[in-house]
Amino acid sequence: MTSRESNPHSSFILHPSSFSACRLIIDPPAPGAWNMAADQWLLHQAAASGACSLRLYHWSEPTLSLGYFQRYGDRSQDPRLSGVAVVRRISGGGAILHDRELTYCLAVPAAHPLSGRRQALYQAAHGSIVEALGELEIAASLCTERPSVGGPEPFLCFQRRSRGDVLVGQAKVAGSAQRRIQGAVMQHGSLLLARSAIVPELPGLCDLAGSPVSEERMIDHWLKKLAAALRATWRPEPLSDGERSEVASLVEAKYGSPRWTEDRRRASRADLL
């Protein structure tokens, strides 16, 4: 297999001298349990290895991911979500219907200059998305308002607004959440490419731009901007067979388990990490 075949986005690789190298993983679409297990695996890998990694991926079917603190039964508030596959994240925030989107996971070790400042990592990812969209002639901005207080928040993340979210007009098109452990922080988030037929009231970039937006071009521009924000170069390296086996074990032990998905309070301490 050639390097181009193993990495379909090889045109996005950057090679200037830099502060550090960041592993770039382009994954094929996968079920929700696999995607969340892979994100947790990258978090612990960053703590163990001291290395930074970025994973870009999609979902093999529309999937609802619950924030860590959300109740499983709350999805019944919206009948449209009752038949959708569901998984629970280790990060907080509102539920996300992952459908027509690009999802990312950025894992950095504690030694990374941005890891100690919570907003700095959001700024790096979201600010670089705004810059990338600008190069595609899509006017985007970062939300400056603070979350409202005094009432219940909407169930879905993209119906909420938080400081630092990416907006096109008044529509939220990108949001992220973090999870920290000793030695590393993981931030994962979604960029809506087009509206889902399940929740059509949430528009994506193609809907807001009025014409199709090339995902490949979007990734190309974003990786360049994100590399500059992280002071890193990309080191393309897919998950090895051994690493995929470790992720699969995590799927079986945790993310594929109803105990974790339906009631994280019944999960063991090991499940929570």
Protein backbone atom coordinates (compact mmCIF):
# COMPACT_ATOMS: atom_id res chain seq x y z
CA MET A 1 0.00 0.00 0.00
CA THR A 2 1.40 3.39 -0.98
CA SER A 3 1.42 6.36 1.37
CA ARG A 4 -1.27 8.01 -0.78
CA GLU A 5 -3.50 4.92 -0.47
CA SER A 6 -3.02 4.65 3.28
CA ASN A 7 -3.69 8.36 3.78
CA PRO A 8 -6.29 9.76 1.37
CA HIS A 9 -5.65 13.29 2.63
CA SER A 10 -1.89 13.18 2.08
CA SER A 11 -2.11 16.48 0.18
CA PHE A 12 -2.77 18.12 3.54
CA ILE A 13 0.63 17.23 5.06
CA LEU A 14 2.72 20.20 6.13
CA HIS A 15 6.50 20.17 6.33
CA PRO A 16 7.85 23.46 7.67
CA SER A 17 10.19 23.46 10.65
CA SER A 18 8.12 23.63 13.81
CA PHE A 19 7.85 23.35 17.57
CA SER A 20 6.71 19.72 17.46
CA ALA A 21 5.11 17.06 15.31
CA CYS A 22 1.49 16.04 15.78
CA ARG A 23 0.23 12.64 14.69
CA LEU A 24 -2.56 12.93 12.10
CA ILE A 25 -5.10 10.10 11.94
CA ILE A 26 -7.73 10.09 9.17
CA ASP A 27 -10.24 7.40 10.13
CA PRO A 28 -13.04 5.86 8.04
CA PRO A 29 -16.65 6.15 9.25
CA ALA A 30 -17.30 4.01 12.34
CA PRO A 31 -20.06 3.31 14.88
CA GLY A 32 -20.46 5.62 17.85
CA ALA A 33 -18.99 3.22 20.40
CA TRP A 34 -15.82 2.88 18.32
CA ASN A 35 -15.46 6.62 17.80
CA MET A 36 -15.78 7.43 21.49
CA ALA A 37 -13.44 4.59 22.47
CA ALA A 38 -10.83 5.82 19.99
CA ASP A 39 -11.06 9.35 21.42
CA GLN A 40 -10.52 8.08 24.96
CA TRP A 41 -7.64 5.91 23.77
CA LEU A 42 -5.95 8.97 22.25
CA LEU A 43 -6.35 10.85 25.53
CA HIS A 44 -4.53 8.17 27.49
CA GLN A 45 -1.96 7.76 24.73
CA ALA A 46 -1.13 11.47 24.96
CA ALA A 47 -0.58 11.12 28.71
CA ALA A 48 1.57 8.00 28.30
CA SER A 49 3.67 9.10 25.32
CA GLY A 50 3.85 12.87 25.74
CA ALA A 51 2.86 13.22 22.09
CA CYS A 52 0.11 15.23 20.41
CA SER A 53 -2.43 13.70 18.02
CA LEU A 54 -5.33 14.82 15.87
CA ARG A 55 -7.98 12.41 14.63
CA LEU A 56 -10.54 13.29 11.92
CA TYR A 57 -13.48 10.98 11.42
CA HIS A 58 -17.12 10.38 10.49
CA TRP A 59 -19.97 8.21 11.75
CA SER A 60 -21.23 5.08 9.98
CA GLU A 61 -24.84 5.93 10.90
CA PRO A 62 -26.62 8.90 12.49
CA THR A 63 -25.71 8.69 16.18
CA LEU A 64 -26.69 10.66 19.25
CA SER A 65 -23.82 11.23 21.67
CA LEU A 66 -24.84 12.16 25.20
CA GLY A 67 -22.74 14.50 27.29
CA TYR A 68 -21.24 12.83 30.36
CA PHE A 69 -23.71 14.44 32.78
CA GLN A 70 -26.86 14.03 30.68
CA ARG A 71 -29.61 11.58 31.56
CA TYR A 72 -30.28 8.84 29.04
CA GLY A 73 -34.02 9.26 29.40
CA ASP A 74 -33.90 12.92 28.40
CA ARG A 75 -33.63 11.99 24.74
CA SER A 76 -37.33 11.09 24.91
CA GLN A 77 -37.97 14.86 24.95
CA ASP A 78 -37.58 14.71 21.17
CA PRO A 79 -39.39 11.73 19.55
CA ARG A 80 -37.22 12.09 16.45
CA LEU A 81 -34.24 10.84 18.46
CA SER A 82 -35.88 7.72 19.89
CA GLY A 83 -34.79 5.38 17.13
CA VAL A 84 -31.29 6.80 16.65
CA ALA A 85 -28.17 4.92 17.80
CA VAL A 86 -26.82 6.40 21.04
CA VAL A 87 -23.48 6.52 22.85
CA ARG A 88 -22.17 8.44 25.86
CA ARG A 89 -19.11 10.70 25.78
CA ILE A 90 -16.58 11.19 28.55
CA SER A 91 -16.81 14.94 27.89
CA GLY A 92 -19.59 17.20 29.11
CA GLY A 93 -21.99 19.45 27.26
CA GLY A 94 -25.21 18.82 25.38
CA ALA A 95 -26.18 15.90 23.18
CA ILE A 96 -25.02 15.95 19.57
CA LEU A 97 -26.69 14.26 16.62
CA HIS A 98 -23.69 13.20 14.54
CA ASP A 99 -24.79 12.87 10.96
CA ARG A 100 -23.58 15.12 8.15
CA GLU A 101 -20.52 16.52 9.86
CA LEU A 102 -16.75 16.38 10.27
CA THR A 103 -15.69 15.31 13.76
CA TYR A 104 -12.26 15.82 15.27
CA CYS A 105 -10.39 14.73 18.38
CA LEU A 106 -7.30 16.63 19.50
CA ALA A 107 -5.26 15.08 22.34
CA VAL A 108 -2.31 16.95 23.83
CA PRO A 109 0.01 16.10 26.73
CA ALA A 110 0.30 18.24 29.84
CA ALA A 111 3.65 19.59 28.62
CA HIS A 112 2.03 21.20 25.58
CA PRO A 113 1.92 25.01 25.94
CA LEU A 114 -1.85 25.10 25.31
CA SER A 115 -2.86 22.23 27.58
CA GLY A 116 -2.94 24.18 30.83
CA ARG A 117 -5.28 26.89 29.58
CA ARG A 118 -8.79 25.60 28.90
CA GLN A 119 -9.88 28.39 26.59
CA ALA A 120 -6.59 28.42 24.70
CA LEU A 121 -7.23 25.00 23.18
CA TYR A 122 -10.76 26.00 22.17
CA GLN A 123 -9.35 29.17 20.64
CA ALA A 124 -6.78 27.22 18.65
CA ALA A 125 -9.33 24.83 17.17
CA HIS A 126 -12.26 27.20 16.71
CA GLY A 127 -10.21 30.21 15.70
CA SER A 128 -8.49 28.19 12.99
CA ILE A 129 -11.90 26.99 11.73
CA VAL A 130 -13.04 30.61 11.42
CA GLU A 131 -9.88 31.45 9.49
CA ALA A 132 -10.28 28.42 7.22
CA LEU A 133 -13.89 29.27 6.46
CA GLY A 134 -12.84 32.82 5.65
CA GLU A 135 -10.49 31.48 2.98
CA LEU A 136 -13.50 29.62 1.55
CA GLU A 137 -15.42 32.94 1.51
CA ILE A 138 -17.72 31.88 4.34
CA ALA A 139 -17.99 34.61 6.98
CA ALA A 140 -17.76 32.99 10.42
CA SER A 141 -17.11 34.31 13.90
CA LEU A 142 -16.63 33.16 17.48
CA CYS A 143 -19.58 33.49 19.83
CA THR A 144 -18.92 36.13 22.47
CA GLU A 145 -22.02 35.63 24.63
CA ARG A 146 -21.94 33.67 27.85
CA PRO A 147 -24.38 30.80 28.51
CA SER A 148 -27.72 31.99 29.84
CA VAL A 149 -28.55 31.18 33.44
CA GLY A 150 -31.82 30.61 35.25
CA GLY A 151 -33.49 28.08 32.96
CA PRO A 152 -32.93 24.58 31.59
CA GLU A 153 -30.53 24.34 28.68
CA PRO A 154 -31.69 22.81 25.38
CA PHE A 155 -30.98 19.08 25.12
CA LEU A 156 -28.99 19.34 21.88
CA CYS A 157 -25.59 21.04 21.93
CA PHE A 158 -26.19 22.88 18.65
CA GLN A 159 -29.28 24.50 20.11
CA ARG A 160 -27.08 26.04 22.82
CA ARG A 161 -24.65 28.94 22.60
CA SER A 162 -21.41 29.14 24.54
CA ARG A 163 -18.53 31.57 24.39
CA GLY A 164 -16.11 30.46 21.68
CA ASP A 165 -18.56 28.45 19.54
CA VAL A 166 -18.20 28.96 15.79
CA LEU A 167 -21.11 30.85 14.25
CA VAL A 168 -22.13 31.61 10.69
CA GLY A 169 -24.57 34.43 11.13
CA GLN A 170 -26.53 33.34 14.21
CA ALA A 171 -26.26 29.62 13.42
CA LYS A 172 -23.83 27.49 15.41
CA VAL A 173 -21.76 25.33 13.06
CA ALA A 174 -18.99 24.08 15.36
CA GLY A 175 -18.65 23.30 19.04
CA SER A 176 -16.31 21.27 21.21
CA ALA A 177 -15.93 19.74 24.66
CA GLN A 178 -12.93 18.68 26.75
CA ARG A 179 -11.91 15.94 29.14
CA ARG A 180 -8.80 16.19 31.31
CA ILE A 181 -6.85 13.50 33.10
CA GLN A 182 -3.51 13.62 34.83
CA GLY A 183 -0.96 14.16 32.08
CA ALA A 184 -3.18 15.11 29.14
CA VAL A 185 -6.29 16.84 27.81
CA MET A 186 -8.58 15.73 25.01
CA GLN A 187 -10.84 18.05 23.06
CA HIS A 188 -13.29 16.74 20.50
CA GLY A 189 -15.89 18.56 18.49
CA SER A 190 -18.17 18.66 15.47
CA LEU A 191 -18.32 20.86 12.39
CA LEU A 192 -21.75 20.68 10.73
CA LEU A 193 -21.38 20.31 6.98
CA ALA A 194 -25.08 20.07 6.08
CA ARG A 195 -28.40 19.79 7.89
CA SER A 196 -29.52 16.34 9.00
CA ALA A 197 -32.91 15.06 7.87
CA ILE A 198 -33.54 14.11 11.50
CA VAL A 199 -33.08 17.63 12.92
CA PRO A 200 -33.40 19.85 9.82
CA GLU A 201 -33.69 23.02 11.90
CA LEU A 202 -29.91 22.89 12.49
CA PRO A 203 -28.21 24.11 9.28
CA GLY A 204 -24.71 23.21 8.19
CA LEU A 205 -22.13 25.01 6.11
CA CYS A 206 -23.60 23.98 2.77
CA ASP A 207 -27.03 25.26 3.77
CA LEU A 208 -25.69 28.56 5.09
CA ALA A 209 -23.30 29.14 2.19
CA GLY A 210 -26.06 28.45 -0.32
CA SER A 211 -23.87 26.03 -2.28
CA PRO A 212 -21.90 22.83 -1.67
CA VAL A 213 -18.78 23.20 0.44
CA SER A 214 -15.92 20.86 -0.44
CA GLU A 215 -15.04 18.89 2.68
CA GLU A 216 -11.60 18.15 1.25
CA ARG A 217 -10.88 21.85 0.74
CA MET A 218 -12.25 22.63 4.19
CA ILE A 219 -9.91 20.07 5.78
CA ASP A 220 -6.98 21.32 3.72
CA HIS A 221 -7.40 24.93 4.86
CA TRP A 222 -8.20 23.99 8.45
CA LEU A 223 -5.18 21.75 8.90
CA LYS A 224 -2.88 24.51 7.74
CA LYS A 225 -4.42 27.04 10.13
CA LEU A 226 -4.54 24.59 13.04
CA ALA A 227 -0.92 23.60 12.53
CA ALA A 228 0.06 27.25 12.86
CA ALA A 229 -2.04 27.65 16.03
CA LEU A 230 -0.47 24.55 17.60
CA ARG A 231 3.02 25.38 16.29
CA ALA A 232 3.13 21.85 14.90
CA THR A 233 3.56 19.90 11.71
CA TRP A 234 1.41 16.91 10.80
CA ARG A 235 2.82 13.39 10.97
CA PRO A 236 0.31 11.14 9.16
CA GLU A 237 0.11 7.76 10.85
CA PRO A 238 -3.07 5.63 10.90
CA LEU A 239 -3.90 3.46 13.87
CA SER A 240 -1.96 0.20 13.76
CA ASP A 241 -3.63 -3.19 14.01
CA GLY A 242 -2.45 -3.43 17.60
CA GLU A 243 -3.84 0.01 18.46
CA ARG A 244 -7.16 -0.80 16.81
CA SER A 245 -7.30 -3.95 18.90
CA GLU A 246 -6.87 -1.85 22.06
CA VAL A 247 -9.69 0.45 20.95
CA ALA A 248 -11.90 -2.57 20.23
CA SER A 249 -11.28 -3.84 23.76
CA LEU A 250 -12.42 -0.47 25.10
CA VAL A 251 -15.57 -0.70 22.98
CA GLU A 252 -16.37 -4.09 24.46
CA ALA A 253 -15.58 -3.13 28.04
CA LYS A 254 -17.18 0.32 28.09
CA TYR A 255 -18.70 2.17 25.17
CA GLY A 256 -20.70 -0.75 23.83
CA SER A 257 -22.13 -1.43 27.30
CA PRO A 258 -25.68 -0.32 28.22
CA ARG A 259 -24.38 0.21 31.77
CA TRP A 260 -22.18 3.07 30.56
CA THR A 261 -24.56 4.49 27.96
CA GLU A 262 -27.78 4.42 29.96
CA ASP A 263 -26.57 5.29 33.45
CA ARG A 264 -22.97 6.39 33.87
CA ARG A 265 -23.59 6.62 37.66
CA ARG A 266 -23.60 2.81 37.79
CA ALA A 267 -20.26 2.63 35.98
CA SER A 268 -17.13 1.75 37.88
CA ARG A 269 -14.40 4.28 38.64
CA ALA A 270 -12.29 2.71 35.86
CA ASP A 271 -15.11 3.41 33.38
CA LEU A 272 -15.05 7.10 34.20
CA LEU A 273 -11.41 7.65 33.19
